[in-house]
């Protein structure tokens, strides 16, 4: 079974989806647009978190290589 990653914006995505759907059902375009915007913000937040995570892995990997270089020089 694959590990499930907790995405920080999941709650906001769900709220945005509910808001968008409520807007469609009631014919309220403002609420619909608000829900769409909320989903987009959550998606951007998730993307930023993934980029931060990736940058952290790359920094750790780079630090590991620096250690290898020091050992080779000695």
PDB file of N, CA and C in Angstrom:
ATOM      1  N   UNK A   1       0.848  -1.175   0.000  1.00  0.00           N
ATOM      2  CA  UNK A   1       0.000   0.000   0.000  1.00  0.00           C
ATOM      3  C   UNK A   1       0.894   1.240   0.000  1.00  0.00           C
ATOM      4  N   UNK A   2       0.644   2.165  -0.866  1.00  0.00           N
ATOM      5  CA  UNK A   2       1.452   3.382  -0.989  1.00  0.00           C
ATOM      6  C   UNK A   2       1.155   4.334   0.160  1.00  0.00           C
ATOM      7  N   UNK A   3       2.206   5.013   0.622  1.00  0.00           N
ATOM      8  CA  UNK A   3       2.033   6.012   1.682  1.00  0.00           C
ATOM      9  C   UNK A   3       1.291   7.213   1.112  1.00  0.00           C
ATOM     10  N   UNK A   4       0.349   7.713   1.862  1.00  0.00           N
ATOM     11  CA  UNK A   4      -0.424   8.864   1.418  1.00  0.00           C
ATOM     12  C   UNK A   4       0.182  10.127   2.009  1.00  0.00           C
ATOM     13  N   UNK A   5       0.466  11.090   1.159  1.00  0.00           N
ATOM     14  CA  UNK A   5       1.069  12.343   1.612  1.00  0.00           C
ATOM     15  C   UNK A   5      -0.026  13.328   1.984  1.00  0.00           C
ATOM     16  N   UNK A   6       0.144  13.943   3.135  1.00  0.00           N
ATOM     17  CA  UNK A   6      -0.825  14.931   3.590  1.00  0.00           C
ATOM     18  C   UNK A   6      -0.546  16.252   2.888  1.00  0.00           C
ATOM     19  N   UNK A   7      -1.459  16.669   2.045  1.00  0.00           N
ATOM     20  CA  UNK A   7      -1.270  17.918   1.325  1.00  0.00           C
ATOM     21  C   UNK A   7      -1.869  19.059   2.142  1.00  0.00           C
ATOM     22  N   UNK A   8      -1.082  20.117   2.347  1.00  0.00           N
ATOM     23  CA  UNK A   8      -1.526  21.213   3.199  1.00  0.00           C
ATOM     24  C   UNK A   8      -2.801  21.906   2.716  1.00  0.00           C
ATOM     25  N   UNK A   9      -3.027  21.968   1.430  1.00  0.00           N
ATOM     26  CA  UNK A   9      -4.178  22.684   0.902  1.00  0.00           C
ATOM     27  C   UNK A   9      -5.412  21.833   0.663  1.00  0.00           C
ATOM     28  N   UNK A  10      -5.387  20.564   1.116  1.00  0.00           N
ATOM     29  CA  UNK A  10      -6.508  19.660   0.827  1.00  0.00           C
ATOM     30  C   UNK A  10      -7.820  20.194   1.396  1.00  0.00           C
ATOM     31  N   UNK A  11      -7.804  20.680   2.619  1.00  0.00           N
ATOM     32  CA  UNK A  11      -9.032  21.215   3.215  1.00  0.00           C
ATOM     33  C   UNK A  11      -9.558  22.410   2.434  1.00  0.00           C
ATOM     34  N   UNK A  12      -8.651  23.269   1.987  1.00  0.00           N
ATOM     35  CA  UNK A  12      -9.058  24.440   1.207  1.00  0.00           C
ATOM     36  C   UNK A  12      -9.616  24.020  -0.155  1.00  0.00           C
ATOM     37  N   UNK A  13      -9.029  22.985  -0.745  1.00  0.00           N
ATOM     38  CA  UNK A  13      -9.543  22.475  -2.029  1.00  0.00           C
ATOM     39  C   UNK A  13     -10.973  21.980  -1.862  1.00  0.00           C
ATOM     40  N   UNK A  14     -11.189  21.237  -0.788  1.00  0.00           N
ATOM     41  CA  UNK A  14     -12.527  20.683  -0.539  1.00  0.00           C
ATOM     42  C   UNK A  14     -13.532  21.805  -0.299  1.00  0.00           C
ATOM     43  N   UNK A  15     -13.144  22.782   0.532  1.00  0.00           N
ATOM     44  CA  UNK A  15     -14.052  23.908   0.792  1.00  0.00           C
ATOM     45  C   UNK A  15     -14.339  24.678  -0.500  1.00  0.00           C
ATOM     46  N   UNK A  16     -13.303  24.850  -1.325  1.00  0.00           N
ATOM     47  CA  UNK A  16     -13.495  25.547  -2.594  1.00  0.00           C
ATOM     48  C   UNK A  16     -14.437  24.804  -3.518  1.00  0.00           C
ATOM     49  N   UNK A  17     -14.302  23.476  -3.546  1.00  0.00           N
ATOM     50  CA  UNK A  17     -15.170  22.652  -4.388  1.00  0.00           C
ATOM     51  C   UNK A  17     -16.618  22.751  -3.916  1.00  0.00           C
ATOM     52  N   UNK A  18     -16.806  22.692  -2.599  1.00  0.00           N
ATOM     53  CA  UNK A  18     -18.162  22.799  -2.034  1.00  0.00           C
ATOM     54  C   UNK A  18     -18.754  24.165  -2.369  1.00  0.00           C
ATOM     55  N   UNK A  19     -17.944  25.203  -2.204  1.00  0.00           N
ATOM     56  CA  UNK A  19     -18.414  26.568  -2.468  1.00  0.00           C
ATOM     57  C   UNK A  19     -18.765  26.741  -3.951  1.00  0.00           C
ATOM     58  N   UNK A  20     -17.912  26.212  -4.817  1.00  0.00           N
ATOM     59  CA  UNK A  20     -18.172  26.312  -6.257  1.00  0.00           C
ATOM     60  C   UNK A  20     -19.468  25.583  -6.615  1.00  0.00           C
ATOM     61  N   UNK A  21     -19.633  24.382  -6.070  1.00  0.00           N
ATOM     62  CA  UNK A  21     -20.841  23.596  -6.346  1.00  0.00           C
ATOM     63  C   UNK A  21     -22.084  24.300  -5.811  1.00  0.00           C
ATOM     64  N   UNK A  22     -21.984  24.850  -4.601  1.00  0.00           N
ATOM     65  CA  UNK A  22     -23.124  25.579  -4.029  1.00  0.00           C
ATOM     66  C   UNK A  22     -23.487  26.771  -4.913  1.00  0.00           C
ATOM     67  N   UNK A  23     -22.470  27.442  -5.422  1.00  0.00           N
ATOM     68  CA  UNK A  23     -22.722  28.574  -6.308  1.00  0.00           C
ATOM     69  C   UNK A  23     -23.428  28.152  -7.583  1.00  0.00           C
ATOM     70  N   UNK A  24     -23.013  27.017  -8.140  1.00  0.00           N
ATOM     71  CA  UNK A  24     -23.658  26.505  -9.365  1.00  0.00           C
ATOM     72  C   UNK A  24     -25.112  26.120  -9.099  1.00  0.00           C
ATOM     73  N   UNK A  25     -25.323  25.418  -7.974  1.00  0.00           N
ATOM     74  CA  UNK A  25     -26.668  24.943  -7.650  1.00  0.00           C
ATOM     75  C   UNK A  25     -27.624  26.111  -7.398  1.00  0.00           C
ATOM     76  N   UNK A  26     -27.141  27.131  -6.709  1.00  0.00           N
ATOM     77  CA  UNK A  26     -28.007  28.252  -6.359  1.00  0.00           C
ATOM     78  C   UNK A  26     -28.025  29.343  -7.426  1.00  0.00           C
ATOM     79  N   UNK A  27     -27.146  29.197  -8.421  1.00  0.00           N
ATOM     80  CA  UNK A  27     -27.076  30.216  -9.466  1.00  0.00           C
ATOM     81  C   UNK A  27     -26.336  31.474  -9.015  1.00  0.00           C
ATOM     82  N   UNK A  28     -25.558  31.352  -7.945  1.00  0.00           N
ATOM     83  CA  UNK A  28     -24.805  32.481  -7.417  1.00  0.00           C
ATOM     84  C   UNK A  28     -23.394  32.467  -8.019  1.00  0.00           C
ATOM     85  N   UNK A  29     -23.184  33.278  -9.038  1.00  0.00           N
ATOM     86  CA  UNK A  29     -21.907  33.286  -9.749  1.00  0.00           C
ATOM     87  C   UNK A  29     -20.752  33.773  -8.874  1.00  0.00           C
ATOM     88  N   UNK A  30     -21.028  34.698  -7.952  1.00  0.00           N
ATOM     89  CA  UNK A  30     -19.976  35.194  -7.052  1.00  0.00           C
ATOM     90  C   UNK A  30     -19.433  34.055  -6.185  1.00  0.00           C
ATOM     91  N   UNK A  31     -20.336  33.266  -5.613  1.00  0.00           N
ATOM     92  CA  UNK A  31     -19.918  32.141  -4.773  1.00  0.00           C
ATOM     93  C   UNK A  31     -19.186  31.102  -5.605  1.00  0.00           C
ATOM     94  N   UNK A  32     -19.654  30.878  -6.801  1.00  0.00           N
ATOM     95  CA  UNK A  32     -19.007  29.923  -7.702  1.00  0.00           C
ATOM     96  C   UNK A  32     -17.564  30.362  -8.004  1.00  0.00           C
ATOM     97  N   UNK A  33     -17.398  31.631  -8.348  1.00  0.00           N
ATOM     98  CA  UNK A  33     -16.054  32.151  -8.643  1.00  0.00           C
ATOM     99  C   UNK A  33     -15.163  32.121  -7.406  1.00  0.00           C
ATOM    100  N   UNK A  34     -15.757  32.431  -6.268  1.00  0.00           N
ATOM    101  CA  UNK A  34     -15.013  32.404  -5.007  1.00  0.00           C
ATOM    102  C   UNK A  34     -14.480  30.992  -4.733  1.00  0.00           C
ATOM    103  N   UNK A  35     -15.301  29.999  -4.979  1.00  0.00           N
ATOM    104  CA  UNK A  35     -14.888  28.601  -4.798  1.00  0.00           C
ATOM    105  C   UNK A  35     -13.777  28.214  -5.760  1.00  0.00           C
ATOM    106  N   UNK A  36     -13.887  28.652  -6.998  1.00  0.00           N
ATOM    107  CA  UNK A  36     -12.847  28.363  -7.987  1.00  0.00           C
ATOM    108  C   UNK A  36     -11.523  29.003  -7.571  1.00  0.00           C
ATOM    109  N   UNK A  37     -11.591  30.240  -7.101  1.00  0.00           N
ATOM    110  CA  UNK A  37     -10.383  30.956  -6.671  1.00  0.00           C
ATOM    111  C   UNK A  37      -9.756  30.264  -5.463  1.00  0.00           C
ATOM    112  N   UNK A  38     -10.593  29.794  -4.556  1.00  0.00           N
ATOM    113  CA  UNK A  38     -10.098  29.118  -3.360  1.00  0.00           C
ATOM    114  C   UNK A  38      -9.362  27.827  -3.748  1.00  0.00           C
ATOM    115  N   UNK A  39      -9.896  27.115  -4.709  1.00  0.00           N
ATOM    116  CA  UNK A  39      -9.239  25.890  -5.184  1.00  0.00           C
ATOM    117  C   UNK A  39      -7.896  26.202  -5.840  1.00  0.00           C
ATOM    118  N   UNK A  40      -7.844  27.274  -6.621  1.00  0.00           N
ATOM    119  CA  UNK A  40      -6.590  27.654  -7.282  1.00  0.00           C
ATOM    120  C   UNK A  40      -5.532  28.050  -6.252  1.00  0.00           C
ATOM    121  N   UNK A  41      -5.947  28.788  -5.211  1.00  0.00           N
ATOM    122  CA  UNK A  41      -4.999  29.174  -4.159  1.00  0.00           C
ATOM    123  C   UNK A  41      -4.446  27.934  -3.449  1.00  0.00           C
ATOM    124  N   UNK A  42      -5.331  26.977  -3.186  1.00  0.00           N
ATOM    125  CA  UNK A  42      -4.896  25.743  -2.522  1.00  0.00           C
ATOM    126  C   UNK A  42      -3.927  24.969  -3.411  1.00  0.00           C
ATOM    127  N   UNK A  43      -4.194  24.949  -4.703  1.00  0.00           N
ATOM    128  CA  UNK A  43      -3.308  24.253  -5.632  1.00  0.00           C
ATOM    129  C   UNK A  43      -1.932  24.919  -5.654  1.00  0.00           C
ATOM    130  N   UNK A  44      -1.914  26.239  -5.687  1.00  0.00           N
ATOM    131  CA  UNK A  44      -0.639  26.973  -5.686  1.00  0.00           C
ATOM    132  C   UNK A  44       0.121  26.717  -4.381  1.00  0.00           C
ATOM    133  N   UNK A  45      -0.592  26.653  -3.286  1.00  0.00           N
ATOM    134  CA  UNK A  45       0.019  26.376  -1.993  1.00  0.00           C
ATOM    135  C   UNK A  45       0.650  24.983  -1.990  1.00  0.00           C
ATOM    136  N   UNK A  46      -0.059  24.007  -2.545  1.00  0.00           N
ATOM    137  CA  UNK A  46       0.475  22.648  -2.635  1.00  0.00           C
ATOM    138  C   UNK A  46       1.715  22.602  -3.525  1.00  0.00           C
ATOM    139  N   UNK A  47       1.667  23.321  -4.640  1.00  0.00           N
ATOM    140  CA  UNK A  47       2.819  23.355  -5.545  1.00  0.00           C
ATOM    141  C   UNK A  47       4.033  23.963  -4.841  1.00  0.00           C
ATOM    142  N   UNK A  48       3.817  25.032  -4.100  1.00  0.00           N
ATOM    143  CA  UNK A  48       4.911  25.680  -3.373  1.00  0.00           C
ATOM    144  C   UNK A  48       5.491  24.723  -2.329  1.00  0.00           C
ATOM    145  N   UNK A  49       4.633  23.992  -1.643  1.00  0.00           N
ATOM    146  CA  UNK A  49       5.099  23.035  -0.637  1.00  0.00           C
ATOM    147  C   UNK A  49       5.917  21.924  -1.292  1.00  0.00           C
ATOM    148  N   UNK A  50       5.475  21.448  -2.457  1.00  0.00           N
ATOM    149  CA  UNK A  50       6.234  20.415  -3.168  1.00  0.00           C
ATOM    150  C   UNK A  50       7.595  20.942  -3.603  1.00  0.00           C
ATOM    151  N   UNK A  51       7.637  22.179  -4.075  1.00  0.00           N
ATOM    152  CA  UNK A  51       8.908  22.773  -4.491  1.00  0.00           C
ATOM    153  C   UNK A  51       9.852  22.931  -3.300  1.00  0.00           C
ATOM    154  N   UNK A  52       9.311  23.343  -2.162  1.00  0.00           N
ATOM    155  CA  UNK A  52      10.127  23.478  -0.947  1.00  0.00           C
ATOM    156  C   UNK A  52      10.681  22.115  -0.525  1.00  0.00           C
ATOM    157  N   UNK A  53       9.831  21.102  -0.602  1.00  0.00           N
ATOM    158  CA  UNK A  53      10.241  19.748  -0.237  1.00  0.00           C
ATOM    159  C   UNK A  53      11.362  19.260  -1.161  1.00  0.00           C
ATOM    160  N   UNK A  54      11.191  19.493  -2.440  1.00  0.00           N
ATOM    161  CA  UNK A  54      12.195  19.090  -3.421  1.00  0.00           C
ATOM    162  C   UNK A  54      13.512  19.842  -3.198  1.00  0.00           C
ATOM    163  N   UNK A  55      13.425  21.134  -2.922  1.00  0.00           N
ATOM    164  CA  UNK A  55      14.623  21.928  -2.672  1.00  0.00           C
ATOM    165  C   UNK A  55      15.343  21.412  -1.432  1.00  0.00           C
ATOM    166  N   UNK A  56      14.601  21.043  -0.417  1.00  0.00           N
ATOM    167  CA  UNK A  56      15.202  20.489   0.799  1.00  0.00           C
ATOM    168  C   UNK A  56      15.934  19.188   0.518  1.00  0.00           C
ATOM    169  N   UNK A  57      15.321  18.334  -0.301  1.00  0.00           N
ATOM    170  CA  UNK A  57      15.983  17.069  -0.665  1.00  0.00           C
ATOM    171  C   UNK A  57      17.264  17.341  -1.441  1.00  0.00           C
ATOM    172  N   UNK A  58      17.199  18.291  -2.365  1.00  0.00           N
ATOM    173  CA  UNK A  58      18.382  18.610  -3.165  1.00  0.00           C
ATOM    174  C   UNK A  58      19.486  19.208  -2.305  1.00  0.00           C
ATOM    175  N   UNK A  59      19.105  20.057  -1.327  1.00  0.00           N
ATOM    176  CA  UNK A  59      20.109  20.623  -0.423  1.00  0.00           C
ATOM    177  C   UNK A  59      20.770  19.516   0.397  1.00  0.00           C
ATOM    178  N   UNK A  60      19.964  18.587   0.881  1.00  0.00           N
ATOM    179  CA  UNK A  60      20.497  17.476   1.672  1.00  0.00           C
ATOM    180  C   UNK A  60      21.423  16.615   0.812  1.00  0.00           C
ATOM    181  N   UNK A  61      21.017  16.372  -0.419  1.00  0.00           N
ATOM    182  CA  UNK A  61      21.835  15.587  -1.337  1.00  0.00           C
ATOM    183  C   UNK A  61      23.159  16.304  -1.614  1.00  0.00           C
ATOM    184  N   UNK A  62      23.082  17.608  -1.826  1.00  0.00           N
ATOM    185  CA  UNK A  62      24.277  18.394  -2.096  1.00  0.00           C
ATOM    186  C   UNK A  62      25.202  18.377  -0.881  1.00  0.00           C
ATOM    187  N   UNK A  63      24.637  18.500   0.313  1.00  0.00           N
ATOM    188  CA  UNK A  63      25.441  18.443   1.531  1.00  0.00           C
ATOM    189  C   UNK A  63      26.138  17.099   1.648  1.00  0.00           C
ATOM    190  N   UNK A  64      25.460  16.034   1.245  1.00  0.00           N
ATOM    191  CA  UNK A  64      26.057  14.702   1.262  1.00  0.00           C
ATOM    192  C   UNK A  64      27.237  14.612   0.321  1.00  0.00           C
ATOM    193  N   UNK A  65      27.127  15.234  -0.833  1.00  0.00           N
ATOM    194  CA  UNK A  65      28.222  15.216  -1.798  1.00  0.00           C
ATOM    195  C   UNK A  65      29.408  16.037  -1.300  1.00  0.00           C
ATOM    196  N   UNK A  66      29.138  17.109  -0.589  1.00  0.00           N
ATOM    197  CA  UNK A  66      30.231  17.917  -0.029  1.00  0.00           C
ATOM    198  C   UNK A  66      31.025  17.080   0.958  1.00  0.00           C
ATOM    199  N   UNK A  67      30.343  16.260   1.730  1.00  0.00           N
ATOM    200  CA  UNK A  67      31.026  15.379   2.672  1.00  0.00           C
ATOM    201  C   UNK A  67      31.910  14.379   1.949  1.00  0.00           C
ATOM    202  N   UNK A  68      31.435  13.846   0.820  1.00  0.00           N
ATOM    203  CA  UNK A  68      32.240  12.910   0.035  1.00  0.00           C
ATOM    204  C   UNK A  68      33.499  13.599  -0.478  1.00  0.00           C
ATOM    205  N   UNK A  69      33.356  14.826  -0.914  1.00  0.00           N
ATOM    206  CA  UNK A  69      34.484  15.575  -1.464  1.00  0.00           C
ATOM    207  C   UNK A  69      35.548  15.803  -0.385  1.00  0.00           C
ATOM    208  N   UNK A  70      35.149  16.131   0.804  1.00  0.00           N
ATOM    209  CA  UNK A  70      36.094  16.371   1.899  1.00  0.00           C
ATOM    210  C   UNK A  70      36.841  15.082   2.220  1.00  0.00           C
ATOM    211  N   UNK A  71      36.153  13.949   2.243  1.00  0.00           N
ATOM    212  CA  UNK A  71      36.807  12.673   2.549  1.00  0.00           C
ATOM    213  C   UNK A  71      37.833  12.317   1.474  1.00  0.00           C
ATOM    214  N   UNK A  72      37.520  12.595   0.209  1.00  0.00           N
ATOM    215  CA  UNK A  72      38.436  12.286  -0.885  1.00  0.00           C
ATOM    216  C   UNK A  72      39.683  13.145  -0.832  1.00  0.00           C
ATOM    217  N   UNK A  73      39.527  14.384  -0.375  1.00  0.00           N
ATOM    218  CA  UNK A  73      40.660  15.301  -0.332  1.00  0.00           C
ATOM    219  C   UNK A  73      41.648  14.908   0.755  1.00  0.00           C
ATOM    220  N   UNK A  74      41.199  14.237   1.802  1.00  0.00           N
ATOM    221  CA  UNK A  74      42.073  13.877   2.929  1.00  0.00           C
ATOM    222  C   UNK A  74      42.826  12.660   2.628  1.00  0.00           C
TER     223      UNK A  74
END
